[in-house]
Amino acid sequence: MKSTRLAALTFAFYLLHQDFWLWREARPLVFGSLPVGLVYHVLYSVAAAALLFALVRGAWPSHLEEE
């Protein structure tokens, strides 16, 4: 069940990476100078790092850690 949920979350992140809704518009500017697409990708990168952390914690094979 956990691996199915992580796989679904990974697929959702793949779909969210294709941000076609921000391709043609640089406005609105965030903090006065950052285009909204850049801010989206910064937040996406932080969320992707959290997803990778969850994948390592939840889906890493335990037999690889045995000596």
PDB file of N, CA and C in Angstrom:
ATOM      1  N   MET A   1       0.825  -1.198   0.000  1.00  0.00           N
ATOM      2  CA  MET A   1       0.000   0.000   0.000  1.00  0.00           C
ATOM      3  C   MET A   1       0.868   1.261   0.000  1.00  0.00           C
ATOM      4  N   LYS A   2       1.942   1.257   0.811  1.00  0.00           N
ATOM      5  CA  LYS A   2       2.806   2.425   0.885  1.00  0.00           C
ATOM      6  C   LYS A   2       3.506   2.672  -0.448  1.00  0.00           C
ATOM      7  N   SER A   3       3.977   1.597  -1.090  1.00  0.00           N
ATOM      8  CA  SER A   3       4.681   1.779  -2.360  1.00  0.00           C
ATOM      9  C   SER A   3       3.738   2.251  -3.462  1.00  0.00           C
ATOM     10  N   THR A   4       2.483   1.818  -3.419  1.00  0.00           N
ATOM     11  CA  THR A   4       1.494   2.286  -4.395  1.00  0.00           C
ATOM     12  C   THR A   4       1.239   3.782  -4.220  1.00  0.00           C
ATOM     13  N   ARG A   5       1.152   4.210  -2.975  1.00  0.00           N
ATOM     14  CA  ARG A   5       0.931   5.626  -2.702  1.00  0.00           C
ATOM     15  C   ARG A   5       2.133   6.468  -3.142  1.00  0.00           C
ATOM     16  N   LEU A   6       3.337   5.969  -2.893  1.00  0.00           N
ATOM     17  CA  LEU A   6       4.537   6.694  -3.320  1.00  0.00           C
ATOM     18  C   LEU A   6       4.647   6.740  -4.840  1.00  0.00           C
ATOM     19  N   ALA A   7       4.267   5.662  -5.507  1.00  0.00           N
ATOM     20  CA  ALA A   7       4.295   5.642  -6.972  1.00  0.00           C
ATOM     21  C   ALA A   7       3.277   6.633  -7.537  1.00  0.00           C
ATOM     22  N   ALA A   8       2.098   6.693  -6.942  1.00  0.00           N
ATOM     23  CA  ALA A   8       1.073   7.643  -7.398  1.00  0.00           C
ATOM     24  C   ALA A   8       1.532   9.081  -7.167  1.00  0.00           C
ATOM     25  N   LEU A   9       2.180   9.316  -6.034  1.00  0.00           N
ATOM     26  CA  LEU A   9       2.680  10.653  -5.746  1.00  0.00           C
ATOM     27  C   LEU A   9       3.795  11.042  -6.713  1.00  0.00           C
ATOM     28  N   THR A  10       4.650  10.091  -7.057  1.00  0.00           N
ATOM     29  CA  THR A  10       5.707  10.345  -8.034  1.00  0.00           C
ATOM     30  C   THR A  10       5.121  10.674  -9.401  1.00  0.00           C
ATOM     31  N   PHE A  11       4.086   9.945  -9.806  1.00  0.00           N
ATOM     32  CA  PHE A  11       3.426  10.232 -11.084  1.00  0.00           C
ATOM     33  C   PHE A  11       2.756  11.605 -11.053  1.00  0.00           C
ATOM     34  N   ALA A  12       2.155  11.966  -9.936  1.00  0.00           N
ATOM     35  CA  ALA A  12       1.534  13.290  -9.812  1.00  0.00           C
ATOM     36  C   ALA A  12       2.590  14.392  -9.928  1.00  0.00           C
ATOM     37  N   PHE A  13       3.766  14.161  -9.341  1.00  0.00           N
ATOM     38  CA  PHE A  13       4.848  15.132  -9.467  1.00  0.00           C
ATOM     39  C   PHE A  13       5.319  15.245 -10.906  1.00  0.00           C
ATOM     40  N   TYR A  14       5.329  14.134 -11.624  1.00  0.00           N
ATOM     41  CA  TYR A  14       5.689  14.176 -13.045  1.00  0.00           C
ATOM     42  C   TYR A  14       4.700  15.051 -13.813  1.00  0.00           C
ATOM     43  N   LEU A  15       3.423  14.882 -13.539  1.00  0.00           N
ATOM     44  CA  LEU A  15       2.409  15.689 -14.228  1.00  0.00           C
ATOM     45  C   LEU A  15       2.510  17.164 -13.843  1.00  0.00           C
ATOM     46  N   LEU A  16       2.789  17.439 -12.580  1.00  0.00           N
ATOM     47  CA  LEU A  16       2.903  18.829 -12.141  1.00  0.00           C
ATOM     48  C   LEU A  16       4.141  19.517 -12.717  1.00  0.00           C
ATOM     49  N   HIS A  17       5.137  18.763 -13.102  1.00  0.00           N
ATOM     50  CA  HIS A  17       6.339  19.369 -13.676  1.00  0.00           C
ATOM     51  C   HIS A  17       6.052  19.966 -15.049  1.00  0.00           C
ATOM     52  N   GLN A  18       5.066  19.455 -15.739  1.00  0.00           N
ATOM     53  CA  GLN A  18       4.696  19.973 -17.062  1.00  0.00           C
ATOM     54  C   GLN A  18       3.770  21.171 -16.878  1.00  0.00           C
ATOM     55  N   ASP A  19       4.302  22.273 -16.412  1.00  0.00           N
ATOM     56  CA  ASP A  19       3.482  23.442 -16.063  1.00  0.00           C
ATOM     57  C   ASP A  19       3.155  24.286 -17.291  1.00  0.00           C
ATOM     58  N   PHE A  20       2.330  23.757 -18.147  1.00  0.00           N
ATOM     59  CA  PHE A  20       1.964  24.458 -19.377  1.00  0.00           C
ATOM     60  C   PHE A  20       1.161  25.720 -19.118  1.00  0.00           C
ATOM     61  N   TRP A  21       0.572  25.882 -17.954  1.00  0.00           N
ATOM     62  CA  TRP A  21      -0.245  27.054 -17.657  1.00  0.00           C
ATOM     63  C   TRP A  21       0.606  28.288 -17.366  1.00  0.00           C
ATOM     64  N   LEU A  22       1.910  28.144 -17.176  1.00  0.00           N
ATOM     65  CA  LEU A  22       2.778  29.300 -16.901  1.00  0.00           C
ATOM     66  C   LEU A  22       3.762  29.587 -18.027  1.00  0.00           C
ATOM     67  N   TRP A  23       3.611  28.962 -19.174  1.00  0.00           N
ATOM     68  CA  TRP A  23       4.580  29.100 -20.251  1.00  0.00           C
ATOM     69  C   TRP A  23       4.567  30.480 -20.904  1.00  0.00           C
ATOM     70  N   ARG A  24       3.438  31.062 -21.087  1.00  0.00           N
ATOM     71  CA  ARG A  24       3.338  32.282 -21.903  1.00  0.00           C
ATOM     72  C   ARG A  24       3.259  33.567 -21.089  1.00  0.00           C
ATOM     73  N   GLU A  25       3.136  33.459 -19.793  1.00  0.00           N
ATOM     74  CA  GLU A  25       2.936  34.623 -18.955  1.00  0.00           C
ATOM     75  C   GLU A  25       4.080  34.765 -17.959  1.00  0.00           C
ATOM     76  N   ALA A  26       4.703  35.922 -17.938  1.00  0.00           N
ATOM     77  CA  ALA A  26       5.724  36.211 -16.932  1.00  0.00           C
ATOM     78  C   ALA A  26       5.125  36.936 -15.740  1.00  0.00           C
ATOM     79  N   ARG A  27       3.937  37.396 -15.896  1.00  0.00           N
ATOM     80  CA  ARG A  27       3.260  38.130 -14.831  1.00  0.00           C
ATOM     81  C   ARG A  27       2.246  37.233 -14.165  1.00  0.00           C
ATOM     82  N   PRO A  28       1.946  37.369 -12.932  1.00  0.00           N
ATOM     83  CA  PRO A  28       2.340  38.415 -12.001  1.00  0.00           C
ATOM     84  C   PRO A  28       3.755  38.174 -11.489  1.00  0.00           C
ATOM     85  N   LEU A  29       4.387  39.257 -11.089  1.00  0.00           N
ATOM     86  CA  LEU A  29       5.723  39.156 -10.505  1.00  0.00           C
ATOM     87  C   LEU A  29       5.587  38.935  -9.002  1.00  0.00           C
ATOM     88  N   VAL A  30       6.385  38.027  -8.483  1.00  0.00           N
ATOM     89  CA  VAL A  30       6.375  37.732  -7.060  1.00  0.00           C
ATOM     90  C   VAL A  30       7.540  38.485  -6.429  1.00  0.00           C
ATOM     91  N   PHE A  31       7.307  39.111  -5.292  1.00  0.00           N
ATOM     92  CA  PHE A  31       8.303  39.944  -4.614  1.00  0.00           C
ATOM     93  C   PHE A  31       8.795  41.076  -5.507  1.00  0.00           C
ATOM     94  N   GLY A  32       8.005  41.457  -6.478  1.00  0.00           N
ATOM     95  CA  GLY A  32       8.323  42.597  -7.316  1.00  0.00           C
ATOM     96  C   GLY A  32       9.228  42.335  -8.506  1.00  0.00           C
ATOM     97  N   SER A  33       9.938  41.191  -8.529  1.00  0.00           N
ATOM     98  CA  SER A  33      10.860  40.990  -9.633  1.00  0.00           C
ATOM     99  C   SER A  33      10.947  39.548 -10.141  1.00  0.00           C
ATOM    100  N   LEU A  34      10.431  38.577  -9.414  1.00  0.00           N
ATOM    101  CA  LEU A  34      10.537  37.181  -9.842  1.00  0.00           C
ATOM    102  C   LEU A  34       9.307  36.756 -10.644  1.00  0.00           C
ATOM    103  N   PRO A  35       9.493  36.216 -11.829  1.00  0.00           N
ATOM    104  CA  PRO A  35       8.353  35.712 -12.598  1.00  0.00           C
ATOM    105  C   PRO A  35       7.699  34.538 -11.869  1.00  0.00           C
ATOM    106  N   VAL A  36       6.415  34.414 -12.034  1.00  0.00           N
ATOM    107  CA  VAL A  36       5.665  33.395 -11.314  1.00  0.00           C
ATOM    108  C   VAL A  36       6.118  31.986 -11.697  1.00  0.00           C
ATOM    109  N   GLY A  37       6.569  31.788 -12.920  1.00  0.00           N
ATOM    110  CA  GLY A  37       7.054  30.471 -13.331  1.00  0.00           C
ATOM    111  C   GLY A  37       8.319  30.061 -12.593  1.00  0.00           C
ATOM    112  N   LEU A  38       9.186  31.028 -12.326  1.00  0.00           N
ATOM    113  CA  LEU A  38      10.404  30.746 -11.577  1.00  0.00           C
ATOM    114  C   LEU A  38      10.085  30.386 -10.127  1.00  0.00           C
ATOM    115  N   VAL A  39       9.166  31.107  -9.534  1.00  0.00           N
ATOM    116  CA  VAL A  39       8.746  30.806  -8.163  1.00  0.00           C
ATOM    117  C   VAL A  39       8.096  29.426  -8.103  1.00  0.00           C
ATOM    118  N   TYR A  40       7.306  29.086  -9.116  1.00  0.00           N
ATOM    119  CA  TYR A  40       6.688  27.756  -9.167  1.00  0.00           C
ATOM    120  C   TYR A  40       7.766  26.673  -9.183  1.00  0.00           C
ATOM    121  N   HIS A  41       8.791  26.857  -9.975  1.00  0.00           N
ATOM    122  CA  HIS A  41       9.837  25.830 -10.065  1.00  0.00           C
ATOM    123  C   HIS A  41      10.697  25.763  -8.805  1.00  0.00           C
ATOM    124  N   VAL A  42      10.867  26.870  -8.114  1.00  0.00           N
ATOM    125  CA  VAL A  42      11.566  26.831  -6.825  1.00  0.00           C
ATOM    126  C   VAL A  42      10.758  26.009  -5.832  1.00  0.00           C
ATOM    127  N   LEU A  43       9.463  26.274  -5.738  1.00  0.00           N
ATOM    128  CA  LEU A  43       8.600  25.510  -4.830  1.00  0.00           C
ATOM    129  C   LEU A  43       8.496  24.053  -5.251  1.00  0.00           C
ATOM    130  N   TYR A  44       8.459  23.812  -6.555  1.00  0.00           N
ATOM    131  CA  TYR A  44       8.415  22.438  -7.061  1.00  0.00           C
ATOM    132  C   TYR A  44       9.693  21.688  -6.686  1.00  0.00           C
ATOM    133  N   SER A  45      10.836  22.347  -6.770  1.00  0.00           N
ATOM    134  CA  SER A  45      12.104  21.707  -6.425  1.00  0.00           C
ATOM    135  C   SER A  45      12.166  21.345  -4.943  1.00  0.00           C
ATOM    136  N   VAL A  46      11.666  22.218  -4.090  1.00  0.00           N
ATOM    137  CA  VAL A  46      11.629  21.919  -2.656  1.00  0.00           C
ATOM    138  C   VAL A  46      10.693  20.741  -2.395  1.00  0.00           C
ATOM    139  N   ALA A  47       9.545  20.727  -3.038  1.00  0.00           N
ATOM    140  CA  ALA A  47       8.609  19.614  -2.864  1.00  0.00           C
ATOM    141  C   ALA A  47       9.175  18.318  -3.440  1.00  0.00           C
ATOM    142  N   ALA A  48       9.905  18.394  -4.547  1.00  0.00           N
ATOM    143  CA  ALA A  48      10.515  17.200  -5.131  1.00  0.00           C
ATOM    144  C   ALA A  48      11.593  16.643  -4.203  1.00  0.00           C
ATOM    145  N   ALA A  49      12.336  17.512  -3.534  1.00  0.00           N
ATOM    146  CA  ALA A  49      13.330  17.047  -2.566  1.00  0.00           C
ATOM    147  C   ALA A  49      12.646  16.338  -1.399  1.00  0.00           C
ATOM    148  N   ALA A  50      11.512  16.857  -0.959  1.00  0.00           N
ATOM    149  CA  ALA A  50      10.748  16.189   0.106  1.00  0.00           C
ATOM    150  C   ALA A  50      10.218  14.841  -0.373  1.00  0.00           C
ATOM    151  N   LEU A  51       9.789  14.766  -1.625  1.00  0.00           N
ATOM    152  CA  LEU A  51       9.328  13.495  -2.184  1.00  0.00           C
ATOM    153  C   LEU A  51      10.467  12.486  -2.246  1.00  0.00           C
ATOM    154  N   LEU A  52      11.641  12.918  -2.683  1.00  0.00           N
ATOM    155  CA  LEU A  52      12.790  12.009  -2.730  1.00  0.00           C
ATOM    156  C   LEU A  52      13.169  11.532  -1.335  1.00  0.00           C
ATOM    157  N   PHE A  53      13.077  12.392  -0.337  1.00  0.00           N
ATOM    158  CA  PHE A  53      13.323  11.987   1.041  1.00  0.00           C
ATOM    159  C   PHE A  53      12.324  10.920   1.467  1.00  0.00           C
ATOM    160  N   ALA A  54      11.038  11.124   1.122  1.00  0.00           N
ATOM    161  CA  ALA A  54      10.004  10.141   1.459  1.00  0.00           C
ATOM    162  C   ALA A  54      10.235   8.826   0.724  1.00  0.00           C
ATOM    163  N   LEU A  55      10.699   8.894  -0.512  1.00  0.00           N
ATOM    164  CA  LEU A  55      10.984   7.670  -1.266  1.00  0.00           C
ATOM    165  C   LEU A  55      12.140   6.887  -0.652  1.00  0.00           C
ATOM    166  N   VAL A  56      13.167   7.598  -0.235  1.00  0.00           N
ATOM    167  CA  VAL A  56      14.303   6.911   0.382  1.00  0.00           C
ATOM    168  C   VAL A  56      13.884   6.307   1.716  1.00  0.00           C
ATOM    169  N   ARG A  57      13.129   7.040   2.509  1.00  0.00           N
ATOM    170  CA  ARG A  57      12.701   6.531   3.807  1.00  0.00           C
ATOM    171  C   ARG A  57      11.689   5.404   3.680  1.00  0.00           C
ATOM    172  N   GLY A  58      10.822   5.468   2.688  1.00  0.00           N
ATOM    173  CA  GLY A  58       9.736   4.507   2.602  1.00  0.00           C
ATOM    174  C   GLY A  58       9.930   3.361   1.639  1.00  0.00           C
ATOM    175  N   ALA A  59      10.781   3.518   0.633  1.00  0.00           N
ATOM    176  CA  ALA A  59      10.882   2.492  -0.399  1.00  0.00           C
ATOM    177  C   ALA A  59      12.289   1.924  -0.564  1.00  0.00           C
ATOM    178  N   TRP A  60      13.218   2.354   0.268  1.00  0.00           N
ATOM    179  CA  TRP A  60      14.591   1.853   0.149  1.00  0.00           C
ATOM    180  C   TRP A  60      14.633   0.402   0.613  1.00  0.00           C
ATOM    181  N   PRO A  61      15.211  -0.494  -0.169  1.00  0.00           N
ATOM    182  CA  PRO A  61      15.281  -1.895   0.241  1.00  0.00           C
ATOM    183  C   PRO A  61      16.180  -2.087   1.464  1.00  0.00           C
ATOM    184  N   SER A  62      15.655  -2.700   2.496  1.00  0.00           N
ATOM    185  CA  SER A  62      16.412  -2.857   3.736  1.00  0.00           C
ATOM    186  C   SER A  62      17.560  -3.853   3.600  1.00  0.00           C
ATOM    187  N   HIS A  63      17.455  -4.790   2.657  1.00  0.00           N
ATOM    188  CA  HIS A  63      18.532  -5.763   2.507  1.00  0.00           C
ATOM    189  C   HIS A  63      19.834  -5.143   2.002  1.00  0.00           C
ATOM    190  N   LEU A  64      19.766  -3.952   1.450  1.00  0.00           N
ATOM    191  CA  LEU A  64      20.981  -3.276   1.001  1.00  0.00           C
ATOM    192  C   LEU A  64      21.787  -2.712   2.164  1.00  0.00           C
ATOM    193  N   GLU A  65      21.151  -2.537   3.298  1.00  0.00           N
ATOM    194  CA  GLU A  65      21.816  -1.971   4.457  1.00  0.00           C
ATOM    195  C   GLU A  65      22.436  -3.040   5.350  1.00  0.00           C
ATOM    196  N   GLU A  66      22.157  -4.292   5.118  1.00  0.00           N
ATOM    197  CA  GLU A  66      22.714  -5.362   5.946  1.00  0.00           C
ATOM    198  C   GLU A  66      24.164  -5.607   5.563  1.00  0.00           C
ATOM    199  N   GLU A  67      24.979  -5.880   6.581  1.00  0.00           N
ATOM    200  CA  GLU A  67      26.401  -6.144   6.326  1.00  0.00           C
ATOM    201  C   GLU A  67      26.655  -7.622   6.181  1.00  0.00           C
TER     202      GLU A  67
END
